[in-house]
Amino acid sequence: KEYHPTDQIKLQQGERHRLIGLDG
């Protein structure tokens, strides 16, 4: 899922996650 400036995500304890750089 794409996230843009001011977008927020809450990750729960134990929730798997990965941050990915896109074009810039």
PDB file of all heavy atoms in Angstrom:
ATOM      1  N   LYS A   1       0.863  -1.182   0.000  1.00  0.00           N
ATOM      2  CA  LYS A   1       0.000   0.000   0.000  1.00  0.00           C
ATOM      3  C   LYS A   1       0.895   1.225   0.000  1.00  0.00           C
ATOM      4  O   LYS A   1       1.918   1.248   0.691  1.00  0.00           O
ATOM      5  CB  LYS A   1      -0.906   0.009   1.235  1.00  0.00           C
ATOM      6  CG  LYS A   1      -1.903  -1.126   1.229  1.00  0.00           C
ATOM      7  CD  LYS A   1      -2.810  -1.074   2.449  1.00  0.00           C
ATOM      8  CE  LYS A   1      -3.773  -2.255   2.419  1.00  0.00           C
ATOM      9  NZ  LYS A   1      -4.493  -2.413   3.661  1.00  0.00           N
ATOM     10  N   GLU A   2       0.504   2.222  -0.778  1.00  0.00           N
ATOM     11  CA  GLU A   2       1.262   3.468  -0.834  1.00  0.00           C
ATOM     12  C   GLU A   2       0.791   4.431   0.243  1.00  0.00           C
ATOM     13  O   GLU A   2      -0.406   4.561   0.487  1.00  0.00           O
ATOM     14  CB  GLU A   2       1.101   4.135  -2.207  1.00  0.00           C
ATOM     15  CG  GLU A   2       1.919   3.507  -3.280  1.00  0.00           C
ATOM     16  CD  GLU A   2       1.932   4.337  -4.559  1.00  0.00           C
ATOM     17  OE1 GLU A   2       1.393   5.468  -4.598  1.00  0.00           O
ATOM     18  OE2 GLU A   2       2.494   3.833  -5.553  1.00  0.00           O
ATOM     19  N   TYR A   3       1.763   5.100   0.857  1.00  0.00           N
ATOM     20  CA  TYR A   3       1.477   6.113   1.872  1.00  0.00           C
ATOM     21  C   TYR A   3       2.158   7.408   1.455  1.00  0.00           C
ATOM     22  O   TYR A   3       3.303   7.398   1.001  1.00  0.00           O
ATOM     23  CB  TYR A   3       1.979   5.658   3.251  1.00  0.00           C
ATOM     24  CG  TYR A   3       1.129   4.557   3.838  1.00  0.00           C
ATOM     25  CD1 TYR A   3       1.241   3.243   3.411  1.00  0.00           C
ATOM     26  CD2 TYR A   3       0.184   4.851   4.822  1.00  0.00           C
ATOM     27  CE1 TYR A   3       0.439   2.239   3.938  1.00  0.00           C
ATOM     28  CE2 TYR A   3      -0.615   3.851   5.367  1.00  0.00           C
ATOM     29  CZ  TYR A   3      -0.482   2.554   4.920  1.00  0.00           C
ATOM     30  OH  TYR A   3      -1.270   1.560   5.444  1.00  0.00           O
ATOM     31  N   HIS A   4       1.438   8.520   1.632  1.00  0.00           N
ATOM     32  CA  HIS A   4       1.885   9.844   1.209  1.00  0.00           C
ATOM     33  C   HIS A   4       2.093  10.732   2.429  1.00  0.00           C
ATOM     34  O   HIS A   4       1.646  10.391   3.529  1.00  0.00           O
ATOM     35  CB  HIS A   4       0.830  10.460   0.275  1.00  0.00           C
ATOM     36  CG  HIS A   4       0.599   9.643  -0.959  1.00  0.00           C
ATOM     37  ND1 HIS A   4       1.075  10.007  -2.187  1.00  0.00           N
ATOM     38  CD2 HIS A   4      -0.043   8.460  -1.151  1.00  0.00           C
ATOM     39  CE1 HIS A   4       0.728   9.097  -3.091  1.00  0.00           C
ATOM     40  NE2 HIS A   4       0.063   8.146  -2.477  1.00  0.00           N
ATOM     41  N   PRO A   5       2.734  11.906   2.257  1.00  0.00           N
ATOM     42  CA  PRO A   5       2.935  12.799   3.397  1.00  0.00           C
ATOM     43  C   PRO A   5       1.645  13.047   4.176  1.00  0.00           C
ATOM     44  O   PRO A   5       0.578  13.222   3.581  1.00  0.00           O
ATOM     45  CB  PRO A   5       3.458  14.085   2.744  1.00  0.00           C
ATOM     46  CG  PRO A   5       4.224  13.562   1.554  1.00  0.00           C
ATOM     47  CD  PRO A   5       3.378  12.420   1.040  1.00  0.00           C
ATOM     48  N   THR A   6       1.754  12.995   5.474  1.00  0.00           N
ATOM     49  CA  THR A   6       0.710  13.098   6.512  1.00  0.00           C
ATOM     50  C   THR A   6      -0.069  11.801   6.710  1.00  0.00           C
ATOM     51  O   THR A   6      -0.848  11.702   7.651  1.00  0.00           O
ATOM     52  CB  THR A   6      -0.286  14.285   6.321  1.00  0.00           C
ATOM     53  OG1 THR A   6      -1.164  13.998   5.245  1.00  0.00           O
ATOM     54  CG2 THR A   6       0.451  15.603   6.116  1.00  0.00           C
ATOM     55  N   ASP A   7       0.118  10.784   5.861  1.00  0.00           N
ATOM     56  CA  ASP A   7      -0.522   9.486   6.097  1.00  0.00           C
ATOM     57  C   ASP A   7       0.131   8.835   7.310  1.00  0.00           C
ATOM     58  O   ASP A   7       1.347   8.917   7.506  1.00  0.00           O
ATOM     59  CB  ASP A   7      -0.369   8.552   4.894  1.00  0.00           C
ATOM     60  CG  ASP A   7      -1.241   8.939   3.713  1.00  0.00           C
ATOM     61  OD1 ASP A   7      -2.147   9.781   3.875  1.00  0.00           O
ATOM     62  OD2 ASP A   7      -1.010   8.386   2.618  1.00  0.00           O
ATOM     63  N   GLN A   8      -0.689   8.160   8.112  1.00  0.00           N
ATOM     64  CA  GLN A   8      -0.222   7.541   9.347  1.00  0.00           C
ATOM     65  C   GLN A   8      -0.658   6.076   9.386  1.00  0.00           C
ATOM     66  O   GLN A   8      -1.718   5.728   8.889  1.00  0.00           O
ATOM     67  CB  GLN A   8      -0.829   8.299  10.529  1.00  0.00           C
ATOM     68  CG  GLN A   8      -0.272   7.910  11.865  1.00  0.00           C
ATOM     69  CD  GLN A   8      -0.879   8.753  12.973  1.00  0.00           C
ATOM     70  OE1 GLN A   8      -1.748   8.281  13.694  1.00  0.00           O
ATOM     71  NE2 GLN A   8      -0.448  10.001  13.091  1.00  0.00           N
ATOM     72  N   ILE A   9       0.178   5.250   9.975  1.00  0.00           N
ATOM     73  CA  ILE A   9      -0.166   3.843  10.172  1.00  0.00           C
ATOM     74  C   ILE A   9       0.233   3.447  11.585  1.00  0.00           C
ATOM     75  O   ILE A   9       1.296   3.852  12.075  1.00  0.00           O
ATOM     76  CB  ILE A   9       0.496   2.925   9.116  1.00  0.00           C
ATOM     77  CG1 ILE A   9       0.030   1.478   9.300  1.00  0.00           C
ATOM     78  CG2 ILE A   9       2.009   3.047   9.148  1.00  0.00           C
ATOM     79  CD1 ILE A   9       0.431   0.549   8.176  1.00  0.00           C
ATOM     80  N   LYS A  10      -0.637   2.682  12.237  1.00  0.00           N
ATOM     81  CA  LYS A  10      -0.349   2.155  13.573  1.00  0.00           C
ATOM     82  C   LYS A  10      -0.098   0.663  13.426  1.00  0.00           C
ATOM     83  O   LYS A  10      -0.950  -0.063  12.905  1.00  0.00           O
ATOM     84  CB  LYS A  10      -1.503   2.435  14.521  1.00  0.00           C
ATOM     85  CG  LYS A  10      -1.678   3.923  14.771  1.00  0.00           C
ATOM     86  CD  LYS A  10      -2.797   4.233  15.730  1.00  0.00           C
ATOM     87  CE  LYS A  10      -2.861   5.748  15.940  1.00  0.00           C
ATOM     88  NZ  LYS A  10      -3.932   6.147  16.809  1.00  0.00           N
ATOM     89  N   LEU A  11       1.066   0.231  13.873  1.00  0.00           N
ATOM     90  CA  LEU A  11       1.461  -1.174  13.803  1.00  0.00           C
ATOM     91  C   LEU A  11       1.366  -1.769  15.200  1.00  0.00           C
ATOM     92  O   LEU A  11       1.947  -1.237  16.148  1.00  0.00           O
ATOM     93  CB  LEU A  11       2.892  -1.287  13.280  1.00  0.00           C
ATOM     94  CG  LEU A  11       3.125  -0.657  11.905  1.00  0.00           C
ATOM     95  CD1 LEU A  11       4.607  -0.460  11.649  1.00  0.00           C
ATOM     96  CD2 LEU A  11       2.485  -1.506  10.818  1.00  0.00           C
ATOM     97  N   GLN A  12       0.632  -2.856  15.326  1.00  0.00           N
ATOM     98  CA  GLN A  12       0.437  -3.502  16.623  1.00  0.00           C
ATOM     99  C   GLN A  12       1.648  -4.355  16.995  1.00  0.00           C
ATOM    100  O   GLN A  12       2.392  -4.800  16.124  1.00  0.00           O
ATOM    101  CB  GLN A  12      -0.822  -4.377  16.589  1.00  0.00           C
ATOM    102  CG  GLN A  12      -2.097  -3.614  16.244  1.00  0.00           C
ATOM    103  CD  GLN A  12      -2.338  -2.444  17.171  1.00  0.00           C
ATOM    104  OE1 GLN A  12      -2.305  -2.582  18.383  1.00  0.00           O
ATOM    105  NE2 GLN A  12      -2.579  -1.272  16.597  1.00  0.00           N
ATOM    106  N   GLN A  13       1.816  -4.599  18.287  1.00  0.00           N
ATOM    107  CA  GLN A  13       2.857  -5.514  18.743  1.00  0.00           C
ATOM    108  C   GLN A  13       2.645  -6.853  18.038  1.00  0.00           C
ATOM    109  O   GLN A  13       1.528  -7.368  17.990  1.00  0.00           O
ATOM    110  CB  GLN A  13       2.748  -5.679  20.252  1.00  0.00           C
ATOM    111  CG  GLN A  13       3.672  -6.731  20.822  1.00  0.00           C
ATOM    112  CD  GLN A  13       3.372  -6.995  22.291  1.00  0.00           C
ATOM    113  OE1 GLN A  13       2.644  -6.268  22.938  1.00  0.00           O
ATOM    114  NE2 GLN A  13       3.930  -8.067  22.807  1.00  0.00           N
ATOM    115  N   GLY A  14       3.711  -7.389  17.446  1.00  0.00           N
ATOM    116  CA  GLY A  14       3.633  -8.681  16.767  1.00  0.00           C
ATOM    117  C   GLY A  14       3.167  -8.616  15.322  1.00  0.00           C
ATOM    118  O   GLY A  14       3.285  -9.607  14.598  1.00  0.00           O
ATOM    119  N   GLU A  15       2.647  -7.469  14.879  1.00  0.00           N
ATOM    120  CA  GLU A  15       2.201  -7.342  13.486  1.00  0.00           C
ATOM    121  C   GLU A  15       3.427  -7.268  12.568  1.00  0.00           C
ATOM    122  O   GLU A  15       4.351  -6.495  12.805  1.00  0.00           O
ATOM    123  CB  GLU A  15       1.352  -6.074  13.327  1.00  0.00           C
ATOM    124  CG  GLU A  15       0.802  -5.881  11.931  1.00  0.00           C
ATOM    125  CD  GLU A  15      -0.100  -4.647  11.818  1.00  0.00           C
ATOM    126  OE1 GLU A  15      -0.218  -3.883  12.810  1.00  0.00           O
ATOM    127  OE2 GLU A  15      -0.686  -4.461  10.752  1.00  0.00           O
ATOM    128  N   ARG A  16       3.428  -8.105  11.534  1.00  0.00           N
ATOM    129  CA  ARG A  16       4.536  -8.105  10.587  1.00  0.00           C
ATOM    130  C   ARG A  16       4.430  -6.839   9.733  1.00  0.00           C
ATOM    131  O   ARG A  16       3.330  -6.422   9.359  1.00  0.00           O
ATOM    132  CB  ARG A  16       4.486  -9.328   9.670  1.00  0.00           C
ATOM    133  CG  ARG A  16       5.082 -10.602  10.279  1.00  0.00           C
ATOM    134  CD  ARG A  16       4.338 -11.055  11.482  1.00  0.00           C
ATOM    135  NE  ARG A  16       4.723 -12.411  11.873  1.00  0.00           N
ATOM    136  CZ  ARG A  16       4.478 -12.914  13.052  1.00  0.00           C
ATOM    137  NH1 ARG A  16       3.858 -12.213  13.975  1.00  0.00           N
ATOM    138  NH2 ARG A  16       4.832 -14.146  13.340  1.00  0.00           N
ATOM    139  N   HIS A  17       5.600  -6.253   9.408  1.00  0.00           N
ATOM    140  CA  HIS A  17       5.591  -5.028   8.614  1.00  0.00           C
ATOM    141  C   HIS A  17       6.897  -4.858   7.858  1.00  0.00           C
ATOM    142  O   HIS A  17       7.919  -5.413   8.235  1.00  0.00           O
ATOM    143  CB  HIS A  17       5.313  -3.807   9.498  1.00  0.00           C
ATOM    144  CG  HIS A  17       6.277  -3.652  10.640  1.00  0.00           C
ATOM    145  ND1 HIS A  17       6.110  -4.320  11.829  1.00  0.00           N
ATOM    146  CD2 HIS A  17       7.400  -2.917  10.774  1.00  0.00           C
ATOM    147  CE1 HIS A  17       7.102  -3.994  12.655  1.00  0.00           C
ATOM    148  NE2 HIS A  17       7.908  -3.148  12.030  1.00  0.00           N
ATOM    149  N   ARG A  18       6.803  -4.073   6.791  1.00  0.00           N
ATOM    150  CA  ARG A  18       7.976  -3.767   5.971  1.00  0.00           C
ATOM    151  C   ARG A  18       7.775  -2.394   5.354  1.00  0.00           C
ATOM    152  O   ARG A  18       6.745  -2.130   4.744  1.00  0.00           O
ATOM    153  CB  ARG A  18       8.151  -4.815   4.876  1.00  0.00           C
ATOM    154  CG  ARG A  18       9.179  -4.428   3.822  1.00  0.00           C
ATOM    155  CD  ARG A  18       9.412  -5.561   2.836  1.00  0.00           C
ATOM    156  NE  ARG A  18      10.586  -6.294   3.284  1.00  0.00           N
ATOM    157  CZ  ARG A  18      10.894  -7.516   2.905  1.00  0.00           C
ATOM    158  NH1 ARG A  18      10.094  -8.196   2.112  1.00  0.00           N
ATOM    159  NH2 ARG A  18      11.995  -8.084   3.332  1.00  0.00           N
ATOM    160  N   LEU A  19       8.761  -1.520   5.522  1.00  0.00           N
ATOM    161  CA  LEU A  19       8.783  -0.203   4.900  1.00  0.00           C
ATOM    162  C   LEU A  19       9.602  -0.304   3.622  1.00  0.00           C
ATOM    163  O   LEU A  19      10.683  -0.898   3.626  1.00  0.00           O
ATOM    164  CB  LEU A  19       9.401   0.817   5.867  1.00  0.00           C
ATOM    165  CG  LEU A  19       9.555   2.249   5.387  1.00  0.00           C
ATOM    166  CD1 LEU A  19       8.204   2.878   5.056  1.00  0.00           C
ATOM    167  CD2 LEU A  19      10.290   3.082   6.446  1.00  0.00           C
ATOM    168  N   ILE A  20       9.091   0.288   2.549  1.00  0.00           N
ATOM    169  CA  ILE A  20       9.711   0.144   1.233  1.00  0.00           C
ATOM    170  C   ILE A  20       9.855   1.510   0.575  1.00  0.00           C
ATOM    171  O   ILE A  20       8.892   2.281   0.501  1.00  0.00           O
ATOM    172  CB  ILE A  20       8.849  -0.776   0.332  1.00  0.00           C
ATOM    173  CG1 ILE A  20       8.700  -2.154   0.999  1.00  0.00           C
ATOM    174  CG2 ILE A  20       9.448  -0.897  -1.061  1.00  0.00           C
ATOM    175  CD1 ILE A  20       7.603  -3.009   0.404  1.00  0.00           C
ATOM    176  N   GLY A  21      11.061   1.800   0.099  1.00  0.00           N
ATOM    177  CA  GLY A  21      11.288   3.008  -0.684  1.00  0.00           C
ATOM    178  C   GLY A  21      10.763   2.790  -2.092  1.00  0.00           C
ATOM    179  O   GLY A  21      10.975   1.727  -2.682  1.00  0.00           O
ATOM    180  N   LEU A  22      10.101   3.773  -2.627  1.00  0.00           N
ATOM    181  CA  LEU A  22       9.551   3.656  -3.987  1.00  0.00           C
ATOM    182  C   LEU A  22      10.434   4.456  -4.943  1.00  0.00           C
ATOM    183  O   LEU A  22      11.613   4.175  -5.045  1.00  0.00           O
ATOM    184  CB  LEU A  22       8.082   4.061  -4.002  1.00  0.00           C
ATOM    185  CG  LEU A  22       7.179   3.186  -3.090  1.00  0.00           C
ATOM    186  CD1 LEU A  22       5.745   3.692  -3.094  1.00  0.00           C
ATOM    187  CD2 LEU A  22       7.231   1.719  -3.497  1.00  0.00           C
ATOM    188  N   ASP A  23       9.898   5.451  -5.622  1.00  0.00           N
ATOM    189  CA  ASP A  23      10.670   6.159  -6.649  1.00  0.00           C
ATOM    190  C   ASP A  23      11.741   7.092  -6.086  1.00  0.00           C
ATOM    191  O   ASP A  23      12.801   7.243  -6.678  1.00  0.00           O
ATOM    192  CB  ASP A  23       9.729   6.960  -7.563  1.00  0.00           C
ATOM    193  CG  ASP A  23       8.812   6.041  -8.362  1.00  0.00           C
ATOM    194  OD1 ASP A  23       9.205   4.886  -8.616  1.00  0.00           O
ATOM    195  OD2 ASP A  23       7.708   6.469  -8.709  1.00  0.00           O
ATOM    196  N   GLY A  24      11.458   7.740  -4.966  1.00  0.00           N
ATOM    197  CA  GLY A  24      12.413   8.668  -4.365  1.00  0.00           C
ATOM    198  C   GLY A  24      12.625   8.313  -2.912  1.00  0.00           C
ATOM    199  O   GLY A  24      12.085   7.336  -2.408  1.00  0.00           O
TER     200      GLY A  24
END
